[in-house]
Protein backbone atom coordinates (compact mmCIF):
# COMPACT_ATOMS: atom_id res chain seq x y z
CA MET A 1 -27.25 -11.77 -46.46
CA LYS A 2 -24.00 -10.97 -44.64
CA LYS A 3 -25.78 -8.35 -42.53
CA CYS A 4 -28.47 -10.84 -41.57
CA LYS A 5 -25.84 -13.39 -40.57
CA ILE A 6 -24.00 -10.86 -38.40
CA SER A 7 -27.26 -9.87 -36.67
CA ILE A 8 -28.02 -13.52 -35.88
CA ILE A 9 -24.51 -13.99 -34.44
CA LEU A 10 -24.88 -10.89 -32.28
CA VAL A 11 -28.29 -12.00 -31.01
CA SER A 12 -26.86 -15.39 -30.04
CA LEU A 13 -23.84 -13.81 -28.36
CA LEU A 14 -25.84 -11.33 -26.31
CA PHE A 15 -28.39 -13.96 -25.31
CA PHE A 16 -25.54 -16.15 -24.07
CA ILE A 17 -23.82 -13.39 -22.09
CA GLY A 18 -26.93 -12.03 -20.47
CA GLY A 19 -28.31 -15.45 -19.58
CA PHE A 20 -31.53 -14.75 -21.54
CA SER A 21 -34.15 -17.49 -21.35
CA GLN A 22 -35.31 -19.31 -24.43
CA ASN A 23 -39.00 -18.84 -23.76
CA GLN A 24 -40.90 -15.62 -24.38
CA ALA A 25 -42.43 -15.42 -20.89
CA ASN A 26 -39.02 -15.28 -19.22
CA ALA A 27 -37.72 -12.88 -21.86
CA GLU A 28 -40.59 -10.49 -21.09
CA LYS A 29 -39.87 -10.79 -17.37
CA ILE A 30 -36.19 -9.98 -17.84
CA ASN A 31 -36.98 -7.04 -20.10
CA GLY A 32 -39.38 -5.59 -17.54
CA GLY A 33 -42.45 -6.49 -19.58
CA GLU A 34 -41.17 -4.88 -22.80
CA ASP A 35 -42.10 -6.37 -26.14
CA PRO A 36 -39.25 -8.79 -27.00
CA ASN A 37 -39.61 -7.73 -30.64
CA SER A 38 -38.19 -4.32 -29.67
CA THR A 39 -35.07 -6.09 -28.42
CA TYR A 40 -34.61 -7.68 -31.83
CA LEU A 41 -35.01 -4.28 -33.48
CA LEU A 42 -32.32 -2.80 -31.23
CA LEU A 43 -30.02 -5.71 -31.97
CA ASP A 44 -30.65 -5.14 -35.67
CA LEU A 45 -29.60 -1.52 -35.16
CA PHE A 46 -26.46 -2.79 -33.46
CA GLY A 47 -25.84 -5.00 -36.47
CA ASP A 48 -26.16 -1.99 -38.80
CA VAL A 49 -23.54 -0.05 -36.82
CA PHE A 50 -21.26 -3.07 -36.59
CA GLU A 51 -21.40 -3.67 -40.35
CA ARG A 52 -20.84 0.03 -41.17
CA VAL A 53 -17.75 0.23 -38.93
CA ARG A 54 -16.50 -3.07 -40.28
CA SER A 55 -16.77 -1.97 -43.89
CA SER A 56 -16.13 1.78 -43.80
CA TYR A 57 -13.72 2.56 -40.94
CA VAL A 58 -10.49 4.20 -42.09
CA THR A 59 -8.44 1.12 -41.22
CA LYS A 60 -9.40 -2.53 -41.07
CA VAL A 61 -10.50 -3.71 -37.63
CA SER A 62 -10.93 -7.36 -36.73
CA ASP A 63 -14.39 -8.65 -35.86
CA GLU A 64 -12.98 -9.96 -32.57
CA LYS A 65 -11.78 -6.50 -31.56
CA LEU A 66 -15.09 -4.87 -32.43
CA ILE A 67 -17.14 -7.46 -30.55
CA GLU A 68 -14.86 -7.22 -27.51
CA ALA A 69 -15.13 -3.43 -27.55
CA ALA A 70 -18.93 -3.67 -27.77
CA ILE A 71 -19.11 -6.04 -24.80
CA THR A 72 -16.69 -3.84 -22.84
CA GLY A 73 -18.81 -0.78 -23.52
CA MET A 74 -22.04 -2.56 -22.59
CA LEU A 75 -20.72 -3.70 -19.22
CA SER A 76 -18.77 -0.58 -18.27
CA SER A 77 -21.86 1.57 -18.95
CA LEU A 78 -23.76 -0.22 -16.15
CA ASP A 79 -21.67 0.88 -13.18
CA PRO A 80 -17.98 1.49 -12.33
CA HIS A 81 -17.33 -2.11 -11.30
CA SER A 82 -18.85 -4.20 -14.13
CA SER A 83 -16.35 -4.99 -16.87
CA TYR A 84 -15.26 -7.51 -19.48
CA LEU A 85 -12.14 -9.60 -18.91
CA ASN A 86 -10.53 -11.12 -21.97
CA THR A 87 -8.53 -14.33 -21.56
CA LYS A 88 -5.34 -12.58 -20.43
CA LYS A 89 -7.08 -10.24 -18.01
CA PHE A 90 -9.07 -13.13 -16.58
CA GLN A 91 -5.85 -15.06 -15.93
CA ASP A 92 -4.27 -11.97 -14.35
CA MET A 93 -7.27 -11.52 -12.07
CA ARG A 94 -7.06 -15.12 -10.87
CA VAL A 95 -3.34 -14.76 -10.16
CA GLN A 96 -3.99 -11.57 -8.19
CA THR A 97 -6.57 -13.14 -5.91
CA ARG A 98 -4.55 -16.32 -5.40
CA GLY A 99 -1.04 -15.24 -4.59
CA LYS A 100 1.05 -12.69 -6.49
CA PHE A 101 1.18 -10.58 -9.63
CA GLY A 102 3.56 -8.29 -11.47
CA GLY A 103 3.19 -4.52 -11.51
CA LEU A 104 3.36 -1.40 -9.34
CA GLY A 105 1.06 -2.24 -6.46
CA ILE A 106 -1.85 0.20 -6.67
CA GLU A 107 -5.62 -0.25 -6.67
CA VAL A 108 -7.07 2.14 -9.24
CA THR A 109 -10.29 3.35 -10.80
CA MET A 110 -11.09 5.83 -13.58
CA GLU A 111 -12.34 9.37 -12.99
CA GLY A 112 -12.67 12.23 -15.46
CA GLY A 113 -10.57 10.39 -18.00
CA LEU A 114 -7.66 9.98 -15.57
CA VAL A 115 -6.51 7.05 -13.45
CA LYS A 116 -7.49 7.58 -9.82
CA VAL A 117 -5.55 5.82 -7.06
CA VAL A 118 -7.92 4.17 -4.59
CA SER A 119 -5.00 3.01 -2.47
CA PRO A 120 -1.42 1.76 -2.76
CA ILE A 121 -0.67 -1.74 -1.49
CA ASP A 122 1.72 -1.83 1.46
CA ASP A 123 5.44 -2.29 0.76
CA THR A 124 5.06 -2.27 -3.03
CA PRO A 125 6.97 -0.07 -5.51
CA ALA A 126 4.07 2.41 -5.68
CA PHE A 127 3.83 2.60 -1.88
CA LYS A 128 7.59 3.17 -1.52
CA ALA A 129 7.48 5.85 -4.25
CA GLY A 130 5.01 7.85 -2.17
CA ILE A 131 1.91 7.39 -4.35
CA LYS A 132 -1.17 8.07 -2.20
CA SER A 133 -4.88 7.41 -2.11
CA GLY A 134 -6.66 10.10 -4.14
CA ASP A 135 -3.76 10.79 -6.50
CA LEU A 136 -4.63 11.27 -10.17
CA ILE A 137 -2.30 9.74 -12.77
CA SER A 138 -2.24 11.91 -15.88
CA HIS A 139 0.69 10.48 -17.87
CA LEU A 140 2.50 7.17 -18.18
CA ASN A 141 6.00 7.52 -19.64
CA ASP A 142 4.98 11.03 -20.76
CA GLU A 143 1.99 9.68 -22.72
CA LYS A 144 -1.45 11.00 -21.76
CA VAL A 145 -3.75 8.64 -19.89
CA GLN A 146 -6.83 10.50 -21.13
CA GLY A 147 -8.45 8.52 -23.92
CA LEU A 148 -7.42 5.14 -22.51
CA THR A 149 -9.81 2.74 -20.83
CA LEU A 150 -8.97 1.66 -17.30
CA SER A 151 -7.91 -1.76 -18.57
CA GLU A 152 -5.59 -0.20 -21.14
CA ALA A 153 -4.03 2.07 -18.52
CA VAL A 154 -3.50 -0.85 -16.12
CA GLU A 155 -1.96 -2.89 -18.94
CA ARG A 156 0.56 -0.11 -19.60
CA MET A 157 1.48 0.10 -15.94
CA ARG A 158 2.28 -3.59 -15.92
CA GLY A 159 5.44 -4.94 -17.47
CA LYS A 160 8.60 -6.93 -16.89
CA VAL A 161 9.99 -7.03 -13.38
CA GLY A 162 12.83 -4.54 -13.03
CA GLN A 163 11.59 -2.17 -15.74
CA ASP A 164 11.03 1.48 -14.80
CA ILE A 165 7.95 3.52 -15.61
CA LYS A 166 7.55 7.28 -15.28
CA ILE A 167 4.26 8.29 -13.67
CA THR A 168 2.99 11.87 -13.65
CA ILE A 169 0.78 12.63 -10.66
CA LEU A 170 -1.77 15.34 -9.93
CA ARG A 171 -2.26 15.84 -6.19
CA LYS A 172 -4.63 18.38 -4.70
CA GLY A 173 -2.87 21.53 -3.52
CA GLN A 174 0.36 20.76 -5.39
CA LYS A 175 1.86 21.17 -8.83
CA SER A 176 1.98 18.06 -10.97
CA PHE A 177 5.11 15.97 -10.42
CA SER A 178 6.59 12.76 -11.74
CA VAL A 179 8.00 9.71 -10.01
CA ILE A 180 9.98 6.80 -11.41
CA VAL A 181 8.63 3.47 -10.23
CA THR A 182 10.40 0.17 -10.81
CA ARG A 183 8.05 -2.70 -11.58
CA ASP A 184 8.29 -5.70 -9.30
CA VAL A 185 6.51 -8.92 -8.43
CA ILE A 186 3.72 -7.88 -6.09
CA PRO A 187 3.37 -10.47 -3.31
CA ILE A 188 -0.05 -10.84 -1.82
CA ARG A 189 0.97 -10.67 1.82
CA THR A 190 -2.26 -9.20 3.05
CA VAL A 191 -1.76 -9.37 6.82
CA ARG A 192 0.99 -8.01 9.06
CA SER A 193 1.17 -7.68 12.82
CA LYS A 194 3.22 -6.09 15.58
CA ILE A 195 3.06 -5.22 19.27
CA GLU A 196 2.15 -1.66 20.29
CA LYS A 197 2.63 -0.12 23.76
CA ASN A 198 3.93 -3.48 25.03
CA ASN A 199 0.45 -4.98 25.44
CA ILE A 200 -1.73 -4.20 22.38
CA GLY A 201 -1.81 -6.28 19.23
CA TYR A 202 -1.83 -4.41 15.93
CA ILE A 203 -3.13 -6.20 12.81
CA ARG A 204 -2.78 -4.52 9.42
CA ILE A 205 -4.96 -6.00 6.64
CA SER A 206 -4.03 -4.47 3.27
CA SER A 207 -6.49 -6.41 1.07
CA PHE A 208 -8.71 -9.50 1.10
CA SER A 209 -7.36 -12.37 -1.02
CA GLN A 210 -7.55 -16.12 -0.47
CA PRO A 211 -5.00 -16.34 2.38
CA THR A 212 -6.38 -13.39 4.40
CA GLY A 213 -8.78 -15.13 6.79
CA ASP A 214 -6.25 -17.77 7.83
CA ALA A 215 -3.47 -15.18 8.00
CA VAL A 216 -5.43 -13.04 10.49
CA VAL A 217 -5.92 -16.04 12.78
CA LYS A 218 -2.23 -16.94 12.46
CA GLU A 219 -1.03 -13.42 13.31
CA ILE A 220 -3.33 -13.09 16.33
CA LYS A 221 -2.15 -16.46 17.66
CA LYS A 222 1.42 -15.22 17.28
CA ILE A 223 0.60 -12.04 19.24
CA LYS A 224 -1.09 -14.08 22.00
CA GLN A 225 1.96 -16.32 22.26
CA GLN A 226 4.23 -13.29 22.59
CA LEU A 227 2.12 -11.38 25.12
CA GLY A 228 0.20 -14.06 26.96
CA ASP A 229 -1.89 -12.53 29.76
CA LYS A 230 -0.43 -9.08 29.05
CA LEU A 231 -2.58 -8.69 25.90
CA VAL A 232 -5.28 -6.08 26.60
CA GLY A 233 -6.77 -5.49 23.14
CA LEU A 234 -6.40 -5.35 19.37
CA VAL A 235 -6.26 -2.68 16.70
CA ILE A 236 -7.44 -3.86 13.26
CA ASP A 237 -6.14 -1.45 10.62
CA LEU A 238 -8.30 -1.41 7.45
CA ARG A 239 -7.22 2.02 6.22
CA ASN A 240 -6.62 2.19 2.45
CA ASN A 241 -7.74 -1.43 2.12
CA PRO A 242 -9.51 -1.61 -1.27
CA GLY A 243 -11.34 -4.85 -0.48
CA GLY A 244 -11.27 -8.17 -2.30
CA LEU A 245 -12.99 -11.50 -1.79
CA LEU A 246 -16.33 -11.63 0.00
CA ASP A 247 -15.65 -14.98 1.66
CA GLN A 248 -12.45 -13.63 3.21
CA ALA A 249 -14.27 -10.60 4.64
CA ILE A 250 -16.78 -13.03 6.17
CA ALA A 251 -13.96 -15.20 7.56
CA VAL A 252 -12.22 -12.23 9.19
CA SER A 253 -15.46 -10.97 10.73
CA ASP A 254 -16.31 -14.46 11.96
CA SER A 255 -12.98 -14.61 13.82
CA PHE A 256 -14.24 -11.99 16.29
CA LEU A 257 -17.96 -12.78 16.50
CA GLU A 258 -19.64 -15.49 18.58
CA LYS A 259 -22.96 -15.44 16.76
CA GLY A 260 -25.31 -13.42 14.56
CA GLU A 261 -25.41 -12.24 10.99
CA ILE A 262 -22.21 -10.96 9.40
CA VAL A 263 -23.56 -9.70 6.10
CA SER A 264 -26.44 -10.32 3.71
CA THR A 265 -26.56 -9.96 -0.05
CA ARG A 266 -29.68 -9.09 -2.00
CA SER A 267 -29.88 -9.79 -5.69
CA ARG A 268 -32.42 -8.99 -8.39
CA ARG A 269 -34.31 -12.17 -7.61
CA LYS A 270 -35.41 -12.89 -4.04
CA GLU A 271 -34.46 -16.55 -4.33
CA ASP A 272 -30.81 -15.48 -4.76
CA HIS A 273 -30.68 -13.48 -1.50
CA GLN A 274 -28.11 -14.85 0.95
CA ARG A 275 -27.28 -14.40 4.62
CA TYR A 276 -23.96 -15.27 6.23
CA ASN A 277 -23.86 -15.98 9.97
CA ALA A 278 -21.02 -16.23 12.45
CA LYS A 279 -19.98 -19.50 14.08
CA PRO A 280 -19.17 -19.66 17.82
CA GLY A 281 -15.63 -18.67 18.77
CA ASP A 282 -13.99 -15.26 19.30
CA ILE A 283 -10.23 -15.47 18.78
CA ALA A 284 -9.79 -12.19 20.70
CA GLU A 285 -11.65 -13.71 23.68
CA GLY A 286 -13.81 -10.64 24.24
CA LYS A 287 -10.91 -8.19 24.55
CA PRO A 288 -11.56 -4.66 23.22
CA ILE A 289 -11.07 -4.08 19.50
CA VAL A 290 -10.65 -0.80 17.64
CA VAL A 291 -11.00 -0.86 13.83
CA LEU A 292 -9.30 1.92 11.84
CA ILE A 293 -10.94 3.03 8.57
CA ASN A 294 -10.66 5.94 6.14
CA GLY A 295 -11.80 6.98 2.67
CA GLY A 296 -9.62 4.29 1.09
CA SER A 297 -11.36 1.48 3.02
CA ALA A 298 -13.70 -0.13 0.51
CA SER A 299 -15.89 -3.14 -0.19
CA ALA A 300 -14.72 -6.13 1.90
CA SER A 301 -13.17 -3.72 4.43
CA GLU A 302 -16.56 -2.11 4.89
CA ILE A 303 -18.20 -5.51 5.40
CA VAL A 304 -15.83 -6.21 8.30
CA ALA A 305 -16.17 -2.73 9.81
CA GLY A 306 -19.97 -2.75 9.42
CA ALA A 307 -20.38 -6.20 10.96
CA LEU A 308 -18.20 -5.49 14.00
CA GLN A 309 -19.83 -2.08 14.46
CA ASP A 310 -23.41 -3.36 14.29
CA HIS A 311 -22.65 -6.14 16.77
CA LYS A 312 -20.90 -3.61 19.05
CA ARG A 313 -17.88 -5.91 18.98
CA ALA A 314 -15.49 -3.12 17.96
CA ILE A 315 -15.22 0.64 18.03
CA ILE A 316 -14.76 2.10 14.54
CA LEU A 317 -12.31 5.00 14.51
CA GLY A 318 -11.03 7.24 11.70
CA THR A 319 -12.93 8.82 8.81
CA LYS A 320 -15.87 7.71 6.68
CA SER A 321 -15.14 4.77 4.38
CA PHE A 322 -15.32 4.64 0.57
CA GLY A 323 -18.94 3.46 0.23
CA LYS A 324 -18.85 0.47 -2.13
CA GLY A 325 -21.83 -1.67 -1.19
CA SER A 326 -22.12 -3.89 -4.25
CA VAL A 327 -21.04 -7.45 -5.01
CA GLN A 328 -19.37 -8.45 -8.27
CA THR A 329 -19.55 -11.99 -9.64
CA ILE A 330 -16.94 -13.32 -12.06
CA ILE A 331 -18.79 -15.23 -14.78
CA PRO A 332 -16.58 -17.25 -17.18
CA ILE A 333 -17.65 -17.05 -20.84
CA ARG A 334 -16.76 -20.28 -22.62
CA GLU A 335 -13.04 -19.96 -23.41
CA GLN A 336 -13.20 -16.24 -24.12
CA GLY A 337 -12.40 -14.86 -20.68
CA ALA A 338 -15.08 -13.71 -18.26
CA MET A 339 -17.21 -10.79 -17.21
CA ARG A 340 -17.24 -9.07 -13.87
CA LEU A 341 -20.89 -8.26 -13.26
CA THR A 342 -22.51 -6.46 -10.36
CA THR A 343 -25.06 -9.00 -9.19
CA ALA A 344 -26.07 -7.90 -5.69
CA ARG A 345 -25.89 -5.30 -2.96
CA TYR A 346 -24.65 -6.21 0.47
CA TYR A 347 -26.13 -5.10 3.78
CA THR A 348 -24.71 -4.88 7.28
CA PRO A 349 -26.36 -6.93 10.08
CA SER A 350 -28.66 -3.99 10.92
CA GLY A 351 -29.99 -4.11 7.34
CA LYS A 352 -28.22 -0.95 6.21
CA SER A 353 -26.60 -0.51 2.82
CA ILE A 354 -23.37 1.51 2.78
CA GLN A 355 -23.53 2.10 -0.99
CA GLU A 356 -22.39 5.68 -1.71
CA ILE A 357 -22.47 6.77 1.96
CA GLY A 358 -19.85 4.47 3.50
CA VAL A 359 -19.42 3.34 7.09
CA SER A 360 -19.44 6.22 9.55
CA PRO A 361 -16.88 5.83 12.37
CA ASP A 362 -18.04 5.82 15.97
CA ILE A 363 -15.21 8.25 16.71
CA GLU A 364 -14.09 10.51 13.88
CA VAL A 365 -10.37 11.26 13.88
CA GLU A 366 -8.75 13.01 10.94
CA ARG A 367 -5.24 12.13 9.85
CA VAL A 368 -2.86 14.91 10.92
CA THR A 369 0.59 15.92 9.70
CA LEU A 370 3.24 18.14 11.20
CA LYS A 371 2.99 20.87 8.55
CA ILE A 372 -0.63 20.80 7.46
CA ASP A 373 -4.01 19.53 8.62
CA ASP A 374 -4.46 16.71 6.11
CA LYS A 375 -8.19 16.95 5.44
CA LYS A 376 -7.98 16.52 1.71
CA GLU A 377 -11.01 15.23 -0.11
CA THR A 378 -10.97 11.50 -0.73
CA THR A 379 -12.68 9.90 -3.69
CA ARG A 380 -15.44 7.56 -2.56
CA GLU A 381 -17.84 5.20 -4.31
CA GLY A 382 -20.53 7.89 -4.64
CA ASP A 383 -18.12 10.10 -6.61
CA LEU A 384 -17.64 7.53 -9.38
CA ARG A 385 -19.54 8.02 -12.61
CA GLY A 386 -22.49 5.62 -12.86
CA ALA A 387 -22.25 4.43 -9.23
CA LEU A 388 -25.29 2.55 -7.89
CA LYS A 389 -27.58 4.69 -5.73
CA ASN A 390 -28.12 3.84 -2.07
CA ASP A 391 -31.49 2.23 -1.46
CA ASN A 392 -31.73 2.82 2.28
CA ASN A 393 -34.86 4.45 3.64
CA LYS A 394 -34.23 8.21 3.68
CA ASN A 395 -34.82 8.27 7.41
CA ASN A 396 -31.96 5.82 7.91
CA ILE A 397 -29.37 7.30 5.56
CA ASP A 398 -26.85 8.14 8.22
CA GLY A 399 -27.63 5.17 10.45
CA LYS A 400 -28.18 5.42 14.18
CA ARG A 401 -24.71 6.56 15.16
CA ALA A 402 -23.55 10.16 15.15
CA PRO A 403 -19.76 9.87 15.16
CA LYS A 404 -17.82 11.77 17.74
CA LYS A 405 -15.22 13.99 16.11
CA ILE A 406 -11.76 14.64 17.47
CA ASP A 407 -9.95 17.73 16.17
CA ASN A 408 -6.21 17.24 16.33
CA SER A 409 -5.28 20.51 14.66
CA LYS A 410 -3.95 21.96 17.92
CA THR A 411 -2.31 18.83 19.28
CA VAL A 412 1.36 19.21 20.19
CA VAL A 413 3.64 16.94 18.21
CA ASP A 414 5.98 14.73 20.21
CA PRO A 415 9.14 14.44 18.06
CA ASN A 416 10.24 11.39 20.03
CA SER A 417 7.04 9.44 19.48
CA LYS A 418 7.45 6.00 17.95
CA LEU A 419 4.31 6.71 15.97
CA ASN A 420 6.09 9.37 13.91
CA LYS A 421 7.44 8.43 10.50
CA THR A 422 9.04 10.35 7.67
CA ASP A 423 7.54 10.54 4.19
CA ASN A 424 10.68 11.03 2.08
CA THR A 425 8.72 11.89 -1.05
CA MET A 426 6.95 14.80 0.62
CA ASN A 427 9.89 15.62 2.94
CA LYS A 428 7.68 16.02 6.00
CA THR A 429 6.91 14.13 9.18
CA ILE A 430 3.60 12.26 9.42
CA ILE A 431 2.15 11.49 12.84
CA ASP A 432 -0.31 8.62 12.90
CA TYR A 433 -2.79 10.19 15.31
CA GLN A 434 -5.50 7.76 14.30
CA LEU A 435 -3.42 4.85 15.56
CA LYS A 436 -2.37 6.85 18.63
CA ARG A 437 -6.01 7.53 19.51
CA ALA A 438 -6.88 3.86 18.97
CA LEU A 439 -4.15 2.73 21.38
CA ASP A 440 -5.18 5.31 23.98
CA LEU A 441 -8.79 4.21 23.62
CA ILE A 442 -7.98 0.55 24.32
CA HIS A 443 -6.00 1.52 27.41
CA ALA A 444 -8.91 3.68 28.61
CA ILE A 445 -11.39 0.82 28.11
CA THR A 446 -9.05 -1.53 29.98
CA LEU A 447 -8.79 0.87 32.92
CA ILE A 448 -12.56 1.39 33.08
CA SER A 449 -13.09 -2.37 32.93
CA LYS A 450 -10.66 -2.93 35.83
CA ASP A 451 -12.37 -0.25 37.92
CA SER A 452 -15.80 -1.77 37.33
CA ASP A 453 -14.52 -5.22 38.37
CA GLN A 454 -13.26 -3.94 41.71
């Protein structure tokens, strides 16, 4: 009788989470035409396993923990970005997208049982400690990460502000090493700006949270006030930007486009497909734009880069982006948290999906350092276990553009360049050639434009 009761509870729970219809016709449609009775048999099997674990496991485990683990496993098995958020994690997620959160300041995923750094957030403890995109975290306070879920690992990295945590890092081409990082409140200041070469505006977007769209407009207005008629162009830096909110990516793209589609999303059902179009008004007033991307540019970053590239509004420079072309929807579940579910793919204005393959730059420029040619492999969406496959036509996999490639391996380093900076962790000088090329490109476009006007 107890087993029967548990099975009924599980059936009700799963029907609620999945949004199953109450009538058999819709149930058959959702199950791809399968006999709904087979679903009940599988749920009965689930009930058998649940009851056996509940009664025979070596230590007592609460029903709540078992159910939560089952939901977590069900969602995480779908793709790398679907997951279950309990009440605490749901609250943390809302804080992160709205303003600030406590922690180290890194965007992470899971790979091979280890925590993989997608990108550090600018000016956070992790960024200052020298943690880089592509780093693998093997130990936290000398305890192995392997065996933990991503959520468990993230939870251990969070803690009270001011507390230290020892992180052991595996970096390609080096021996494992450890860094001590002091936890801090992570402010969501997603946009920064400065003036380059006396007449070019530089906008750095580190992620896409609720203030991002307005912040970009504010920073560009500030640059225009400072430079006036001297402003010749903009560099939009999306390197190592892990993404964020879809509406903010649309808002940023819309700032530079006069008209046309920005992005479209296609769901399982055609009636849920959506298209987002630009409204008149280009805050850059037609001046040349160069967008910088690399393997750490993901999701919302790729929406912006893809939209501006397809409309020929900007030149994309750098290396191929991460390749995350899916949309996740946060679905609250009563008062028990929420689930993050992949509900759609997004497509650039030309109708191309970047899932797995990323956005290819118009001009490929590798990042270069003084001591080595930094062409290390970067983890992208297609490398993640269970990643969605790209559904582009095979003839259109690489798009229409064949990126030009610039090899900087023989370029002479100018030790007096303002673009040089020192990485204290690695004890070597890093020259931002990608930014240097972007600035040179804007000046070249400006000169050509002046010549053509004469």
